[in-house]
Protein backbone atom coordinates (compact mmCIF):
# COMPACT_ATOMS: atom_id res chain seq x y z
CA MET A 1 0.82 7.45 16.20
CA GLN A 2 -3.40 6.11 14.47
CA PRO A 3 -5.60 8.93 15.25
CA LEU A 4 -8.26 7.25 16.60
CA VAL A 5 -11.09 5.67 14.58
CA THR A 6 -14.44 4.10 14.69
CA SER A 7 -14.43 1.06 12.60
CA ASP A 8 -17.28 2.78 10.14
CA SER A 9 -14.67 5.63 9.11
CA MET A 10 -11.41 3.03 8.93
CA ARG A 11 -13.18 1.01 6.45
CA GLU A 12 -14.78 4.11 4.89
CA PHE A 13 -10.77 5.12 4.69
CA ARG A 14 -9.71 2.38 3.41
CA ALA A 15 -12.03 1.57 0.77
CA LYS A 16 -11.38 5.71 -0.63
CA ILE A 17 -8.05 4.27 -0.86
CA VAL A 18 -8.96 1.45 -2.58
CA GLY A 19 -10.62 3.99 -5.14
CA LEU A 20 -7.90 6.52 -5.73
CA ILE A 21 -5.61 3.77 -6.74
CA MET A 22 -8.44 1.83 -8.77
CA ASP A 23 -8.52 5.87 -10.31
CA GLY A 24 -5.06 5.62 -11.58
CA ARG A 25 -4.24 8.32 -8.40
CA PRO A 26 -2.34 6.28 -6.78
CA GLU A 27 0.26 9.12 -5.63
CA ARG A 28 -2.30 10.53 -3.18
CA ALA A 29 -3.71 7.03 -1.76
CA LEU A 30 0.34 7.12 -0.67
CA ARG A 31 -0.06 10.65 0.74
CA LEU A 32 -2.98 10.22 2.79
CA LEU A 33 -1.79 6.84 4.24
CA ALA A 34 1.24 8.41 4.56
CA GLU A 35 -0.10 10.79 6.35
CA TYR A 36 -2.33 8.77 8.17
CA TYR A 37 0.52 5.81 9.39
CA GLY A 38 2.77 8.52 10.15
CA VAL A 39 5.42 8.24 8.04
CA ARG A 40 7.58 9.85 5.12
CA GLU A 41 5.85 8.81 1.93
CA PRO A 42 7.32 6.85 -0.30
CA THR A 43 7.56 7.80 -3.75
CA LEU A 44 5.94 5.46 -7.40
CA ARG A 45 8.44 4.47 -10.53
CA VAL A 46 7.32 2.20 -13.13
CA GLY A 47 11.07 -0.52 -14.14
CA THR A 48 12.95 -3.28 -11.85
CA VAL A 49 15.68 -3.52 -9.77
CA LYS A 50 18.63 -5.59 -10.33
CA ARG A 51 17.47 -9.22 -8.40
CA HIS A 52 14.13 -8.06 -8.30
CA ARG A 53 13.29 -8.51 -12.33
CA LYS A 54 10.21 -11.21 -12.02
CA VAL A 55 8.11 -9.83 -9.20
CA LEU A 56 5.30 -7.50 -10.54
CA ALA A 57 6.30 -4.67 -8.15
CA CYS A 58 9.02 -4.30 -4.81
CA TYR A 59 9.92 -1.58 -2.03
CA VAL A 60 12.94 -0.60 -1.97
CA GLU A 61 13.89 0.56 1.97
CA LYS A 62 17.10 2.92 0.63
CA GLU A 63 15.09 4.96 -1.65
CA GLY A 64 12.33 4.85 -0.01
CA ARG A 65 10.91 3.83 -3.36
CA ILE A 66 7.36 1.52 -4.60
CA TYR A 67 9.41 -0.18 -8.23
CA LEU A 68 6.27 -1.55 -9.99
CA SER A 69 7.65 -3.55 -13.02
CA ASN A 70 4.12 -2.67 -15.58
CA GLY A 71 2.59 0.27 -15.98
CA SER A 72 -0.39 -1.23 -15.68
CA PHE A 73 -0.35 -1.81 -11.81
CA VAL A 74 -0.67 1.90 -10.71
CA THR A 75 -3.78 0.97 -10.67
CA ASN A 76 -4.32 -2.05 -8.63
CA PRO A 77 -4.80 -1.53 -4.89
CA PHE A 78 -3.69 -4.96 -4.02
CA VAL A 79 0.51 -4.51 -4.93
CA ILE A 80 0.00 -0.89 -3.91
CA LEU A 81 -1.08 -1.97 -0.75
CA HIS A 82 1.41 -3.98 -0.10
CA GLU A 83 4.20 -2.77 -1.56
CA PHE A 84 2.80 -0.13 0.77
CA TYR A 85 3.24 -2.74 3.90
CA HIS A 86 6.26 -2.85 3.47
CA HIS A 87 7.46 0.80 3.24
CA LEU A 88 5.30 0.22 7.06
CA ARG A 89 7.34 -2.04 8.49
CA SER A 90 10.39 -0.53 7.17
CA SER A 91 10.76 1.47 10.15
CA ASP A 92 10.35 -1.06 12.39
CA GLN A 93 13.31 -3.30 14.22
CA GLY A 94 11.09 -6.71 14.46
CA LYS A 95 11.14 -8.57 10.96
CA ASN A 96 10.38 -11.45 10.94
CA ARG A 97 9.51 -14.17 8.94
CA GLN A 98 5.76 -13.80 8.77
CA VAL A 99 5.63 -10.47 6.55
CA GLU A 100 4.92 -11.41 3.44
CA LYS A 101 1.85 -13.35 4.61
CA ARG A 102 1.05 -9.69 6.75
CA ALA A 103 1.36 -7.94 4.32
CA ASP A 104 -1.28 -9.68 1.30
CA LEU A 105 -3.66 -9.68 4.61
CA PHE A 106 -3.12 -5.49 5.03
CA ALA A 107 -4.34 -5.21 1.50
CA TRP A 108 -7.07 -7.63 1.18
CA ASN A 109 -8.58 -5.95 4.45
CA PHE A 110 -8.70 -2.58 2.12
CA ILE A 111 -9.69 -4.40 -1.01
CA ARG A 112 -12.36 -6.23 1.53
CA ASP A 113 -13.71 -3.03 2.77
CA PHE A 114 -13.79 -1.23 -0.39
CA LYS A 115 -16.44 -3.53 -1.58
CA SER A 116 -18.49 -3.34 1.74
CA VAL A 117 -18.89 0.14 1.34
CA SER A 118 -18.83 0.14 -2.18
CA ARG A 119 -21.91 -2.03 -2.32
CA THR A 120 -23.82 0.36 0.20
């Protein structure tokens, strides 16, 4: 269950998450996200998965793990947040075809708030 937050505190939370990822602390960001959304924390590994070798990253539900194809993606908030969204949705029963679009939107909302908070 998500705590009740104001839009300003949500914007600051999202900015903090993006900042942690950009500072090379994605595990800390994932821990905070998991706590906030009330899900288990996904693990993070650099490497590829069979049948998914050409993607930047992928989430493997059975392992609860985010795989990054390249170590440089550890500091890429879009990639980390996009894959965290798949982790978040993995517990949902009602999966649909729009999941990629929604994962992108989830990641972009964090990045937008980071830019907004950084300017102030």
